[in-house]
């Protein structure tokens, strides 16, 4: 067990989702399949993905970082250590982890998104 002296670690800074570009490196953090904390890396494959039938309001970040059952709800972090999304779903024909991962942009999750956003779908 790791113990830290003091008040604890600082909160993760929130990045500007509008600064994301295809090819940016990201980390998906979570607890896939309940095995414990895990991190996978990948790149942003697309922004502003919609018409997926996942939710009524869609404006997803698409990534090839592994988003598996259990790490949805975890953080999607950029190379500067900033929160840029919340891991949400995987599109997979098999139902397994072979597919495309999606994250809700941090701006949208925090209520900072507007229809005039450059990522608006």
PDB file of N, CA and C in Angstrom:
ATOM      1  N   UNK A   1       0.842  -1.159   0.000  1.00  0.00           N
ATOM      2  CA  UNK A   1       0.000   0.000   0.000  1.00  0.00           C
ATOM      3  C   UNK A   1       0.896   1.234   0.000  1.00  0.00           C
ATOM      4  N   UNK A   2       0.523   2.198  -0.803  1.00  0.00           N
ATOM      5  CA  UNK A   2       1.252   3.466  -0.894  1.00  0.00           C
ATOM      6  C   UNK A   2       0.587   4.482   0.017  1.00  0.00           C
ATOM      7  N   UNK A   3       1.357   5.090   0.890  1.00  0.00           N
ATOM      8  CA  UNK A   3       0.830   6.127   1.780  1.00  0.00           C
ATOM      9  C   UNK A   3       1.544   7.429   1.458  1.00  0.00           C
ATOM     10  N   UNK A   4       0.771   8.489   1.356  1.00  0.00           N
ATOM     11  CA  UNK A   4       1.328   9.799   1.068  1.00  0.00           C
ATOM     12  C   UNK A   4       1.163  10.703   2.274  1.00  0.00           C
ATOM     13  N   UNK A   5       2.233  11.425   2.597  1.00  0.00           N
ATOM     14  CA  UNK A   5       2.140  12.407   3.667  1.00  0.00           C
ATOM     15  C   UNK A   5       1.492  13.668   3.109  1.00  0.00           C
ATOM     16  N   UNK A   6       0.804  14.394   3.925  1.00  0.00           N
ATOM     17  CA  UNK A   6       0.198  15.647   3.471  1.00  0.00           C
ATOM     18  C   UNK A   6      -1.270  15.472   3.152  1.00  0.00           C
ATOM     19  N   UNK A   7      -1.776  16.380   2.337  1.00  0.00           N
ATOM     20  CA  UNK A   7      -3.199  16.421   2.041  1.00  0.00           C
ATOM     21  C   UNK A   7      -3.622  15.507   0.904  1.00  0.00           C
ATOM     22  N   UNK A   8      -2.719  14.844   0.265  1.00  0.00           N
ATOM     23  CA  UNK A   8      -3.069  13.973  -0.853  1.00  0.00           C
ATOM     24  C   UNK A   8      -2.648  14.585  -2.176  1.00  0.00           C
ATOM     25  N   UNK A   9      -2.767  13.806  -3.211  1.00  0.00           N
ATOM     26  CA  UNK A   9      -2.325  14.293  -4.515  1.00  0.00           C
ATOM     27  C   UNK A   9      -3.244  15.410  -5.033  1.00  0.00           C
ATOM     28  N   UNK A  10      -2.704  16.280  -5.865  1.00  0.00           N
ATOM     29  CA  UNK A  10      -3.534  17.350  -6.426  1.00  0.00           C
ATOM     30  C   UNK A  10      -4.530  16.762  -7.433  1.00  0.00           C
ATOM     31  N   UNK A  11      -5.617  17.472  -7.675  1.00  0.00           N
ATOM     32  CA  UNK A  11      -6.577  16.980  -8.671  1.00  0.00           C
ATOM     33  C   UNK A  11      -5.961  17.012 -10.072  1.00  0.00           C
ATOM     34  N   UNK A  12      -6.483  16.180 -10.940  1.00  0.00           N
ATOM     35  CA  UNK A  12      -6.022  16.146 -12.327  1.00  0.00           C
ATOM     36  C   UNK A  12      -6.522  17.401 -13.030  1.00  0.00           C
ATOM     37  N   UNK A  13      -5.643  18.128 -13.716  1.00  0.00           N
ATOM     38  CA  UNK A  13      -6.117  19.300 -14.452  1.00  0.00           C
ATOM     39  C   UNK A  13      -6.985  18.869 -15.636  1.00  0.00           C
ATOM     40  N   UNK A  14      -7.935  19.701 -15.988  1.00  0.00           N
ATOM     41  CA  UNK A  14      -8.814  19.402 -17.116  1.00  0.00           C
ATOM     42  C   UNK A  14      -8.286  20.107 -18.349  1.00  0.00           C
ATOM     43  N   UNK A  15      -8.080  19.322 -19.413  1.00  0.00           N
ATOM     44  CA  UNK A  15      -7.608  19.884 -20.670  1.00  0.00           C
ATOM     45  C   UNK A  15      -8.761  20.417 -21.500  1.00  0.00           C
ATOM     46  N   UNK A  16      -8.435  21.173 -22.516  1.00  0.00           N
ATOM     47  CA  UNK A  16      -9.449  21.700 -23.430  1.00  0.00           C
ATOM     48  C   UNK A  16      -9.698  20.669 -24.523  1.00  0.00           C
ATOM     49  N   UNK A  17     -10.885  20.142 -24.537  1.00  0.00           N
ATOM     50  CA  UNK A  17     -11.234  19.117 -25.520  1.00  0.00           C
ATOM     51  C   UNK A  17     -11.070  19.647 -26.938  1.00  0.00           C
ATOM     52  N   UNK A  18     -11.308  20.920 -27.139  1.00  0.00           N
ATOM     53  CA  UNK A  18     -11.187  21.501 -28.475  1.00  0.00           C
ATOM     54  C   UNK A  18      -9.742  21.485 -28.986  1.00  0.00           C
ATOM     55  N   UNK A  19      -8.778  21.278 -28.083  1.00  0.00           N
ATOM     56  CA  UNK A  19      -7.375  21.189 -28.498  1.00  0.00           C
ATOM     57  C   UNK A  19      -6.988  19.791 -28.988  1.00  0.00           C
ATOM     58  N   UNK A  20      -7.853  18.787 -28.789  1.00  0.00           N
ATOM     59  CA  UNK A  20      -7.534  17.415 -29.222  1.00  0.00           C
ATOM     60  C   UNK A  20      -7.432  17.334 -30.734  1.00  0.00           C
ATOM     61  N   UNK A  21      -6.468  16.581 -31.193  1.00  0.00           N
ATOM     62  CA  UNK A  21      -6.273  16.353 -32.618  1.00  0.00           C
ATOM     63  C   UNK A  21      -6.119  14.858 -32.875  1.00  0.00           C
ATOM     64  N   UNK A  22      -6.551  14.426 -34.042  1.00  0.00           N
ATOM     65  CA  UNK A  22      -6.349  13.039 -34.447  1.00  0.00           C
ATOM     66  C   UNK A  22      -4.850  12.747 -34.396  1.00  0.00           C
ATOM     67  N   UNK A  23      -4.495  11.642 -33.753  1.00  0.00           N
ATOM     68  CA  UNK A  23      -3.099  11.254 -33.597  1.00  0.00           C
ATOM     69  C   UNK A  23      -2.516  11.597 -32.239  1.00  0.00           C
ATOM     70  N   UNK A  24      -3.216  12.429 -31.444  1.00  0.00           N
ATOM     71  CA  UNK A  24      -2.732  12.746 -30.097  1.00  0.00           C
ATOM     72  C   UNK A  24      -2.699  11.474 -29.243  1.00  0.00           C
ATOM     73  N   UNK A  25      -1.660  11.330 -28.453  1.00  0.00           N
ATOM     74  CA  UNK A  25      -1.524  10.184 -27.551  1.00  0.00           C
ATOM     75  C   UNK A  25      -2.438  10.383 -26.343  1.00  0.00           C
ATOM     76  N   UNK A  26      -3.136   9.313 -25.953  1.00  0.00           N
ATOM     77  CA  UNK A  26      -4.015   9.343 -24.777  1.00  0.00           C
ATOM     78  C   UNK A  26      -3.819   8.075 -23.952  1.00  0.00           C
ATOM     79  N   UNK A  27      -4.179   8.169 -22.685  1.00  0.00           N
ATOM     80  CA  UNK A  27      -4.145   7.038 -21.762  1.00  0.00           C
ATOM     81  C   UNK A  27      -5.551   6.803 -21.240  1.00  0.00           C
ATOM     82  N   UNK A  28      -6.000   5.555 -21.258  1.00  0.00           N
ATOM     83  CA  UNK A  28      -7.290   5.180 -20.680  1.00  0.00           C
ATOM     84  C   UNK A  28      -7.006   4.517 -19.340  1.00  0.00           C
ATOM     85  N   UNK A  29      -7.556   5.093 -18.279  1.00  0.00           N
ATOM     86  CA  UNK A  29      -7.313   4.608 -16.926  1.00  0.00           C
ATOM     87  C   UNK A  29      -8.606   4.041 -16.368  1.00  0.00           C
ATOM     88  N   UNK A  30      -8.525   2.892 -15.715  1.00  0.00           N
ATOM     89  CA  UNK A  30      -9.729   2.311 -15.131  1.00  0.00           C
ATOM     90  C   UNK A  30      -9.449   1.003 -14.425  1.00  0.00           C
ATOM     91  N   UNK A  31     -10.502   0.212 -14.312  1.00  0.00           N
ATOM     92  CA  UNK A  31     -10.452  -1.071 -13.617  1.00  0.00           C
ATOM     93  C   UNK A  31     -11.115  -2.124 -14.510  1.00  0.00           C
ATOM     94  N   UNK A  32     -10.495  -2.443 -15.653  1.00  0.00           N
ATOM     95  CA  UNK A  32     -11.143  -3.357 -16.597  1.00  0.00           C
ATOM     96  C   UNK A  32     -11.353  -4.746 -16.010  1.00  0.00           C
ATOM     97  N   UNK A  33     -12.558  -5.248 -16.191  1.00  0.00           N
ATOM     98  CA  UNK A  33     -12.926  -6.589 -15.750  1.00  0.00           C
ATOM     99  C   UNK A  33     -12.741  -6.797 -14.253  1.00  0.00           C
ATOM    100  N   UNK A  34     -12.596  -5.703 -13.491  1.00  0.00           N
ATOM    101  CA  UNK A  34     -12.463  -5.800 -12.045  1.00  0.00           C
ATOM    102  C   UNK A  34     -11.140  -6.369 -11.565  1.00  0.00           C
ATOM    103  N   UNK A  35     -10.103  -6.335 -12.405  1.00  0.00           N
ATOM    104  CA  UNK A  35      -8.817  -6.919 -12.013  1.00  0.00           C
ATOM    105  C   UNK A  35      -7.921  -5.945 -11.260  1.00  0.00           C
ATOM    106  N   UNK A  36      -8.326  -4.699 -11.139  1.00  0.00           N
ATOM    107  CA  UNK A  36      -7.514  -3.689 -10.463  1.00  0.00           C
ATOM    108  C   UNK A  36      -7.174  -2.563 -11.420  1.00  0.00           C
ATOM    109  N   UNK A  37      -6.551  -1.541 -10.866  1.00  0.00           N
ATOM    110  CA  UNK A  37      -6.218  -0.365 -11.674  1.00  0.00           C
ATOM    111  C   UNK A  37      -5.337  -0.741 -12.844  1.00  0.00           C
ATOM    112  N   UNK A  38      -5.656  -0.164 -14.003  1.00  0.00           N
ATOM    113  CA  UNK A  38      -4.898  -0.447 -15.218  1.00  0.00           C
ATOM    114  C   UNK A  38      -4.850   0.800 -16.092  1.00  0.00           C
ATOM    115  N   UNK A  39      -3.837   0.866 -16.932  1.00  0.00           N
ATOM    116  CA  UNK A  39      -3.678   1.958 -17.884  1.00  0.00           C
ATOM    117  C   UNK A  39      -3.367   1.354 -19.246  1.00  0.00           C
ATOM    118  N   UNK A  40      -4.062   1.819 -20.274  1.00  0.00           N
ATOM    119  CA  UNK A  40      -3.711   1.438 -21.643  1.00  0.00           C
ATOM    120  C   UNK A  40      -3.493   2.717 -22.427  1.00  0.00           C
ATOM    121  N   UNK A  41      -2.672   2.630 -23.453  1.00  0.00           N
ATOM    122  CA  UNK A  41      -2.406   3.835 -24.238  1.00  0.00           C
ATOM    123  C   UNK A  41      -2.861   3.645 -25.676  1.00  0.00           C
ATOM    124  N   UNK A  42      -3.070   4.748 -26.326  1.00  0.00           N
ATOM    125  CA  UNK A  42      -3.488   4.735 -27.719  1.00  0.00           C
ATOM    126  C   UNK A  42      -3.436   6.142 -28.267  1.00  0.00           C
ATOM    127  N   UNK A  43      -4.149   6.350 -29.348  1.00  0.00           N
ATOM    128  CA  UNK A  43      -4.211   7.667 -29.962  1.00  0.00           C
ATOM    129  C   UNK A  43      -5.668   8.050 -30.180  1.00  0.00           C
ATOM    130  N   UNK A  44      -5.890   9.340 -30.338  1.00  0.00           N
ATOM    131  CA  UNK A  44      -7.203   9.834 -30.715  1.00  0.00           C
ATOM    132  C   UNK A  44      -7.386   9.494 -32.197  1.00  0.00           C
ATOM    133  N   UNK A  45      -8.435   8.747 -32.501  1.00  0.00           N
ATOM    134  CA  UNK A  45      -8.717   8.346 -33.876  1.00  0.00           C
ATOM    135  C   UNK A  45      -9.672   9.311 -34.562  1.00  0.00           C
ATOM    136  N   UNK A  46     -10.549   9.951 -33.782  1.00  0.00           N
ATOM    137  CA  UNK A  46     -11.510  10.912 -34.322  1.00  0.00           C
ATOM    138  C   UNK A  46     -12.106  11.696 -33.162  1.00  0.00           C
ATOM    139  N   UNK A  47     -12.656  12.851 -33.469  1.00  0.00           N
ATOM    140  CA  UNK A  47     -13.398  13.631 -32.490  1.00  0.00           C
ATOM    141  C   UNK A  47     -14.779  13.941 -33.072  1.00  0.00           C
ATOM    142  N   UNK A  48     -15.709  14.250 -32.200  1.00  0.00           N
ATOM    143  CA  UNK A  48     -17.047  14.606 -32.652  1.00  0.00           C
ATOM    144  C   UNK A  48     -17.839  13.459 -33.251  1.00  0.00           C
ATOM    145  N   UNK A  49     -17.533  12.221 -32.865  1.00  0.00           N
ATOM    146  CA  UNK A  49     -18.270  11.071 -33.397  1.00  0.00           C
ATOM    147  C   UNK A  49     -19.715  11.099 -32.909  1.00  0.00           C
ATOM    148  N   UNK A  50     -20.637  10.861 -33.826  1.00  0.00           N
ATOM    149  CA  UNK A  50     -22.045  10.828 -33.460  1.00  0.00           C
ATOM    150  C   UNK A  50     -22.757   9.785 -34.310  1.00  0.00           C
ATOM    151  N   UNK A  51     -24.066   9.685 -34.153  1.00  0.00           N
ATOM    152  CA  UNK A  51     -24.908   8.699 -34.843  1.00  0.00           C
ATOM    153  C   UNK A  51     -24.481   7.259 -34.548  1.00  0.00           C
ATOM    154  N   UNK A  52     -24.090   7.009 -33.310  1.00  0.00           N
ATOM    155  CA  UNK A  52     -23.681   5.662 -32.908  1.00  0.00           C
ATOM    156  C   UNK A  52     -24.801   4.912 -32.196  1.00  0.00           C
ATOM    157  N   UNK A  53     -25.840   5.642 -31.771  1.00  0.00           N
ATOM    158  CA  UNK A  53     -26.954   5.025 -31.066  1.00  0.00           C
ATOM    159  C   UNK A  53     -26.644   4.685 -29.626  1.00  0.00           C
ATOM    160  N   UNK A  54     -25.623   5.318 -29.048  1.00  0.00           N
ATOM    161  CA  UNK A  54     -25.240   5.046 -27.664  1.00  0.00           C
ATOM    162  C   UNK A  54     -26.048   5.897 -26.694  1.00  0.00           C
ATOM    163  N   UNK A  55     -26.273   7.150 -27.042  1.00  0.00           N
ATOM    164  CA  UNK A  55     -27.033   8.058 -26.180  1.00  0.00           C
ATOM    165  C   UNK A  55     -27.684   9.137 -27.046  1.00  0.00           C
ATOM    166  N   UNK A  56     -28.664   9.858 -26.489  1.00  0.00           N
ATOM    167  CA  UNK A  56     -29.340  10.890 -27.277  1.00  0.00           C
ATOM    168  C   UNK A  56     -28.408  12.029 -27.711  1.00  0.00           C
ATOM    169  N   UNK A  57     -27.457  12.408 -26.863  1.00  0.00           N
ATOM    170  CA  UNK A  57     -26.494  13.458 -27.188  1.00  0.00           C
ATOM    171  C   UNK A  57     -25.145  12.794 -27.401  1.00  0.00           C
ATOM    172  N   UNK A  58     -24.664  12.799 -28.638  1.00  0.00           N
ATOM    173  CA  UNK A  58     -23.403  12.114 -28.938  1.00  0.00           C
ATOM    174  C   UNK A  58     -22.391  13.099 -29.514  1.00  0.00           C
ATOM    175  N   UNK A  59     -21.210  13.059 -28.967  1.00  0.00           N
ATOM    176  CA  UNK A  59     -20.097  13.897 -29.400  1.00  0.00           C
ATOM    177  C   UNK A  59     -18.816  13.246 -28.877  1.00  0.00           C
ATOM    178  N   UNK A  60     -18.590  12.013 -29.263  1.00  0.00           N
ATOM    179  CA  UNK A  60     -17.557  11.193 -28.641  1.00  0.00           C
ATOM    180  C   UNK A  60     -16.157  11.422 -29.205  1.00  0.00           C
ATOM    181  N   UNK A  61     -15.175  11.178 -28.338  1.00  0.00           N
ATOM    182  CA  UNK A  61     -13.782  11.044 -28.746  1.00  0.00           C
ATOM    183  C   UNK A  61     -13.591   9.573 -29.058  1.00  0.00           C
ATOM    184  N   UNK A  62     -13.113   9.267 -30.250  1.00  0.00           N
ATOM    185  CA  UNK A  62     -12.831   7.875 -30.611  1.00  0.00           C
ATOM    186  C   UNK A  62     -11.351   7.618 -30.392  1.00  0.00           C
ATOM    187  N   UNK A  63     -11.040   6.488 -29.766  1.00  0.00           N
ATOM    188  CA  UNK A  63      -9.648   6.152 -29.479  1.00  0.00           C
ATOM    189  C   UNK A  63      -9.396   4.663 -29.686  1.00  0.00           C
ATOM    190  N   UNK A  64      -8.152   4.335 -29.963  1.00  0.00           N
ATOM    191  CA  UNK A  64      -7.810   2.916 -30.032  1.00  0.00           C
ATOM    192  C   UNK A  64      -7.224   2.429 -28.704  1.00  0.00           C
ATOM    193  N   UNK A  65      -7.176   3.318 -27.670  1.00  0.00           N
ATOM    194  CA  UNK A  65      -6.813   2.865 -26.327  1.00  0.00           C
ATOM    195  C   UNK A  65      -7.904   1.903 -25.866  1.00  0.00           C
ATOM    196  N   UNK A  66      -7.523   0.838 -25.200  1.00  0.00           N
ATOM    197  CA  UNK A  66      -8.487  -0.191 -24.806  1.00  0.00           C
ATOM    198  C   UNK A  66      -9.506   0.350 -23.808  1.00  0.00           C
ATOM    199  N   UNK A  67     -10.771   0.329 -24.204  1.00  0.00           N
ATOM    200  CA  UNK A  67     -11.892   0.656 -23.319  1.00  0.00           C
ATOM    201  C   UNK A  67     -12.650  -0.654 -23.162  1.00  0.00           C
ATOM    202  N   UNK A  68     -12.549  -1.251 -22.003  1.00  0.00           N
ATOM    203  CA  UNK A  68     -13.145  -2.557 -21.738  1.00  0.00           C
ATOM    204  C   UNK A  68     -14.179  -2.447 -20.630  1.00  0.00           C
ATOM    205  N   UNK A  69     -15.027  -3.466 -20.483  1.00  0.00           N
ATOM    206  CA  UNK A  69     -15.959  -3.444 -19.352  1.00  0.00           C
ATOM    207  C   UNK A  69     -15.182  -3.223 -18.051  1.00  0.00           C
ATOM    208  N   UNK A  70     -15.577  -2.226 -17.309  1.00  0.00           N
ATOM    209  CA  UNK A  70     -14.932  -1.926 -16.036  1.00  0.00           C
ATOM    210  C   UNK A  70     -14.085  -0.679 -16.069  1.00  0.00           C
ATOM    211  N   UNK A  71     -13.501  -0.314 -17.226  1.00  0.00           N
ATOM    212  CA  UNK A  71     -12.770   0.949 -17.208  1.00  0.00           C
ATOM    213  C   UNK A  71     -13.568   2.054 -17.878  1.00  0.00           C
ATOM    214  N   UNK A  72     -14.802   1.749 -18.311  1.00  0.00           N
ATOM    215  CA  UNK A  72     -15.654   2.855 -18.706  1.00  0.00           C
ATOM    216  C   UNK A  72     -15.991   3.610 -17.426  1.00  0.00           C
ATOM    217  N   UNK A  73     -16.040   4.897 -17.518  1.00  0.00           N
ATOM    218  CA  UNK A  73     -16.183   5.747 -16.347  1.00  0.00           C
ATOM    219  C   UNK A  73     -14.839   6.225 -15.842  1.00  0.00           C
ATOM    220  N   UNK A  74     -13.770   5.638 -16.333  1.00  0.00           N
ATOM    221  CA  UNK A  74     -12.420   6.070 -15.967  1.00  0.00           C
ATOM    222  C   UNK A  74     -11.979   7.248 -16.815  1.00  0.00           C
ATOM    223  N   UNK A  75     -10.805   7.730 -16.520  1.00  0.00           N
ATOM    224  CA  UNK A  75     -10.277   8.928 -17.165  1.00  0.00           C
ATOM    225  C   UNK A  75      -9.597   8.626 -18.499  1.00  0.00           C
ATOM    226  N   UNK A  76      -9.771   9.524 -19.448  1.00  0.00           N
ATOM    227  CA  UNK A  76      -8.968   9.551 -20.669  1.00  0.00           C
ATOM    228  C   UNK A  76      -8.070  10.771 -20.522  1.00  0.00           C
ATOM    229  N   UNK A  77      -6.776  10.539 -20.489  1.00  0.00           N
ATOM    230  CA  UNK A  77      -5.777  11.555 -20.172  1.00  0.00           C
ATOM    231  C   UNK A  77      -4.899  11.818 -21.388  1.00  0.00           C
ATOM    232  N   UNK A  78      -4.573  13.087 -21.658  1.00  0.00           N
ATOM    233  CA  UNK A  78      -3.679  13.399 -22.772  1.00  0.00           C
ATOM    234  C   UNK A  78      -2.220  13.298 -22.323  1.00  0.00           C
ATOM    235  N   UNK A  79      -1.291  13.551 -23.246  1.00  0.00           N
ATOM    236  CA  UNK A  79       0.141  13.406 -22.962  1.00  0.00           C
ATOM    237  C   UNK A  79       0.647  14.449 -21.972  1.00  0.00           C
ATOM    238  N   UNK A  80      -0.122  15.505 -21.715  1.00  0.00           N
ATOM    239  CA  UNK A  80       0.254  16.520 -20.732  1.00  0.00           C
ATOM    240  C   UNK A  80      -0.304  16.211 -19.339  1.00  0.00           C
ATOM    241  N   UNK A  81      -0.965  15.050 -19.203  1.00  0.00           N
ATOM    242  CA  UNK A  81      -1.521  14.662 -17.914  1.00  0.00           C
ATOM    243  C   UNK A  81      -2.845  15.325 -17.594  1.00  0.00           C
ATOM    244  N   UNK A  82      -3.545  15.825 -18.614  1.00  0.00           N
ATOM    245  CA  UNK A  82      -4.821  16.510 -18.414  1.00  0.00           C
ATOM    246  C   UNK A  82      -5.980  15.585 -18.763  1.00  0.00           C
ATOM    247  N   UNK A  83      -7.059  15.696 -17.999  1.00  0.00           N
ATOM    248  CA  UNK A  83      -8.276  14.947 -18.294  1.00  0.00           C
ATOM    249  C   UNK A  83      -8.905  15.523 -19.557  1.00  0.00           C
ATOM    250  N   UNK A  84      -9.113  14.679 -20.575  1.00  0.00           N
ATOM    251  CA  UNK A  84      -9.766  15.144 -21.806  1.00  0.00           C
ATOM    252  C   UNK A  84     -11.067  14.409 -22.073  1.00  0.00           C
ATOM    253  N   UNK A  85     -11.306  13.294 -21.377  1.00  0.00           N
ATOM    254  CA  UNK A  85     -12.542  12.557 -21.592  1.00  0.00           C
ATOM    255  C   UNK A  85     -12.815  11.560 -20.487  1.00  0.00           C
ATOM    256  N   UNK A  86     -14.037  11.039 -20.533  1.00  0.00           N
ATOM    257  CA  UNK A  86     -14.461   9.976 -19.620  1.00  0.00           C
ATOM    258  C   UNK A  86     -14.760   8.746 -20.469  1.00  0.00           C
ATOM    259  N   UNK A  87     -14.009   7.672 -20.269  1.00  0.00           N
ATOM    260  CA  UNK A  87     -14.195   6.439 -21.027  1.00  0.00           C
ATOM    261  C   UNK A  87     -15.643   5.985 -20.894  1.00  0.00           C
ATOM    262  N   UNK A  88     -16.267   5.667 -22.029  1.00  0.00           N
ATOM    263  CA  UNK A  88     -17.704   5.447 -22.014  1.00  0.00           C
ATOM    264  C   UNK A  88     -18.142   4.126 -22.606  1.00  0.00           C
ATOM    265  N   UNK A  89     -17.629   3.777 -23.777  1.00  0.00           N
ATOM    266  CA  UNK A  89     -18.192   2.622 -24.483  1.00  0.00           C
ATOM    267  C   UNK A  89     -17.167   2.039 -25.440  1.00  0.00           C
ATOM    268  N   UNK A  90     -17.448   0.805 -25.848  1.00  0.00           N
ATOM    269  CA  UNK A  90     -16.681   0.164 -26.912  1.00  0.00           C
ATOM    270  C   UNK A  90     -17.678  -0.366 -27.923  1.00  0.00           C
ATOM    271  N   UNK A  91     -17.385  -0.134 -29.176  1.00  0.00           N
ATOM    272  CA  UNK A  91     -18.206  -0.701 -30.243  1.00  0.00           C
ATOM    273  C   UNK A  91     -17.490  -1.949 -30.731  1.00  0.00           C
ATOM    274  N   UNK A  92     -18.148  -3.082 -30.588  1.00  0.00           N
ATOM    275  CA  UNK A  92     -17.527  -4.350 -30.932  1.00  0.00           C
ATOM    276  C   UNK A  92     -18.585  -5.303 -31.462  1.00  0.00           C
ATOM    277  N   UNK A  93     -18.346  -5.864 -32.620  1.00  0.00           N
ATOM    278  CA  UNK A  93     -19.284  -6.841 -33.171  1.00  0.00           C
ATOM    279  C   UNK A  93     -19.306  -8.125 -32.356  1.00  0.00           C
ATOM    280  N   UNK A  94     -18.175  -8.456 -31.721  1.00  0.00           N
ATOM    281  CA  UNK A  94     -18.087  -9.694 -30.955  1.00  0.00           C
ATOM    282  C   UNK A  94     -18.529  -9.527 -29.504  1.00  0.00           C
ATOM    283  N   UNK A  95     -18.611  -8.274 -29.034  1.00  0.00           N
ATOM    284  CA  UNK A  95     -18.915  -8.029 -27.634  1.00  0.00           C
ATOM    285  C   UNK A  95     -17.674  -8.066 -26.765  1.00  0.00           C
ATOM    286  N   UNK A  96     -16.533  -8.411 -27.347  1.00  0.00           N
ATOM    287  CA  UNK A  96     -15.267  -8.447 -26.624  1.00  0.00           C
ATOM    288  C   UNK A  96     -14.533  -7.124 -26.738  1.00  0.00           C
ATOM    289  N   UNK A  97     -13.288  -7.126 -26.343  1.00  0.00           N
ATOM    290  CA  UNK A  97     -12.516  -5.887 -26.341  1.00  0.00           C
ATOM    291  C   UNK A  97     -11.874  -5.584 -27.688  1.00  0.00           C
ATOM    292  N   UNK A  98     -12.260  -6.296 -28.734  1.00  0.00           N
ATOM    293  CA  UNK A  98     -11.751  -6.011 -30.075  1.00  0.00           C
ATOM    294  C   UNK A  98     -12.725  -5.043 -30.717  1.00  0.00           C
ATOM    295  N   UNK A  99     -12.405  -3.774 -30.689  1.00  0.00           N
ATOM    296  CA  UNK A  99     -13.332  -2.812 -31.251  1.00  0.00           C
ATOM    297  C   UNK A  99     -12.805  -1.401 -31.145  1.00  0.00           C
ATOM    298  N   UNK A 100     -13.726  -0.456 -31.162  1.00  0.00           N
ATOM    299  CA  UNK A 100     -13.400   0.957 -31.147  1.00  0.00           C
ATOM    300  C   UNK A 100     -13.875   1.531 -29.815  1.00  0.00           C
ATOM    301  N   UNK A 101     -12.991   2.254 -29.118  1.00  0.00           N
ATOM    302  CA  UNK A 101     -13.343   2.854 -27.838  1.00  0.00           C
ATOM    303  C   UNK A 101     -13.830   4.278 -28.005  1.00  0.00           C
ATOM    304  N   UNK A 102     -14.748   4.673 -27.125  1.00  0.00           N
ATOM    305  CA  UNK A 102     -15.300   6.026 -27.159  1.00  0.00           C
ATOM    306  C   UNK A 102     -15.277   6.632 -25.763  1.00  0.00           C
ATOM    307  N   UNK A 103     -15.033   7.933 -25.718  1.00  0.00           N
ATOM    308  CA  UNK A 103     -15.044   8.674 -24.461  1.00  0.00           C
ATOM    309  C   UNK A 103     -15.882   9.935 -24.637  1.00  0.00           C
ATOM    310  N   UNK A 104     -16.600  10.311 -23.587  1.00  0.00           N
ATOM    311  CA  UNK A 104     -17.320  11.571 -23.565  1.00  0.00           C
ATOM    312  C   UNK A 104     -16.275  12.668 -23.327  1.00  0.00           C
ATOM    313  N   UNK A 105     -16.267  13.721 -24.140  1.00  0.00           N
ATOM    314  CA  UNK A 105     -15.308  14.809 -23.905  1.00  0.00           C
ATOM    315  C   UNK A 105     -15.473  15.401 -22.508  1.00  0.00           C
ATOM    316  N   UNK A 106     -14.363  15.751 -21.879  1.00  0.00           N
ATOM    317  CA  UNK A 106     -14.406  16.320 -20.531  1.00  0.00           C
ATOM    318  C   UNK A 106     -15.269  17.580 -20.505  1.00  0.00           C
ATOM    319  N   UNK A 107     -15.206  18.394 -21.553  1.00  0.00           N
ATOM    320  CA  UNK A 107     -16.022  19.616 -21.617  1.00  0.00           C
ATOM    321  C   UNK A 107     -17.505  19.285 -21.481  1.00  0.00           C
ATOM    322  N   UNK A 108     -17.941  18.247 -22.164  1.00  0.00           N
ATOM    323  CA  UNK A 108     -19.346  17.840 -22.126  1.00  0.00           C
ATOM    324  C   UNK A 108     -19.695  17.262 -20.754  1.00  0.00           C
ATOM    325  N   UNK A 109     -18.813  16.418 -20.219  1.00  0.00           N
ATOM    326  CA  UNK A 109     -19.062  15.795 -18.917  1.00  0.00           C
ATOM    327  C   UNK A 109     -19.148  16.838 -17.800  1.00  0.00           C
ATOM    328  N   UNK A 110     -18.387  17.914 -17.945  1.00  0.00           N
ATOM    329  CA  UNK A 110     -18.368  18.955 -16.915  1.00  0.00           C
ATOM    330  C   UNK A 110     -19.354  20.088 -17.201  1.00  0.00           C
ATOM    331  N   UNK A 111     -20.144  19.962 -18.259  1.00  0.00           N
ATOM    332  CA  UNK A 111     -21.128  20.981 -18.580  1.00  0.00           C
ATOM    333  C   UNK A 111     -20.552  22.212 -19.231  1.00  0.00           C
ATOM    334  N   UNK A 112     -19.358  22.116 -19.811  1.00  0.00           N
ATOM    335  CA  UNK A 112     -18.713  23.264 -20.449  1.00  0.00           C
ATOM    336  C   UNK A 112     -18.879  23.266 -21.961  1.00  0.00           C
ATOM    337  N   UNK A 113     -19.583  22.270 -22.489  1.00  0.00           N
ATOM    338  CA  UNK A 113     -19.728  22.101 -23.926  1.00  0.00           C
ATOM    339  C   UNK A 113     -20.902  22.922 -24.417  1.00  0.00           C
ATOM    340  N   UNK A 114     -20.802  23.444 -25.633  1.00  0.00           N
ATOM    341  CA  UNK A 114     -21.930  24.136 -26.244  1.00  0.00           C
ATOM    342  C   UNK A 114     -22.043  23.712 -27.700  1.00  0.00           C
ATOM    343  N   UNK A 115     -23.177  23.953 -28.307  1.00  0.00           N
ATOM    344  CA  UNK A 115     -23.384  23.593 -29.709  1.00  0.00           C
ATOM    345  C   UNK A 115     -22.409  24.306 -30.628  1.00  0.00           C
ATOM    346  N   UNK A 116     -21.812  25.408 -30.184  1.00  0.00           N
ATOM    347  CA  UNK A 116     -20.857  26.130 -31.025  1.00  0.00           C
ATOM    348  C   UNK A 116     -19.430  25.604 -30.878  1.00  0.00           C
ATOM    349  N   UNK A 117     -19.260  24.571 -30.032  1.00  0.00           N
ATOM    350  CA  UNK A 117     -17.934  23.989 -29.837  1.00  0.00           C
ATOM    351  C   UNK A 117     -17.411  23.424 -31.149  1.00  0.00           C
ATOM    352  N   UNK A 118     -16.090  23.542 -31.406  1.00  0.00           N
ATOM    353  CA  UNK A 118     -15.516  22.973 -32.626  1.00  0.00           C
ATOM    354  C   UNK A 118     -15.728  21.469 -32.738  1.00  0.00           C
ATOM    355  N   UNK A 119     -15.976  20.781 -31.602  1.00  0.00           N
ATOM    356  CA  UNK A 119     -16.192  19.327 -31.641  1.00  0.00           C
ATOM    357  C   UNK A 119     -17.664  18.978 -31.715  1.00  0.00           C
ATOM    358  N   UNK A 120     -18.537  19.970 -31.751  1.00  0.00           N
ATOM    359  CA  UNK A 120     -19.977  19.676 -31.756  1.00  0.00           C
ATOM    360  C   UNK A 120     -20.332  18.799 -32.950  1.00  0.00           C
ATOM    361  N   UNK A 121     -21.069  17.736 -32.661  1.00  0.00           N
ATOM    362  CA  UNK A 121     -21.401  16.767 -33.690  1.00  0.00           C
ATOM    363  C   UNK A 121     -22.599  17.068 -34.470  1.00  0.00           C
TER     364      UNK A 121
END
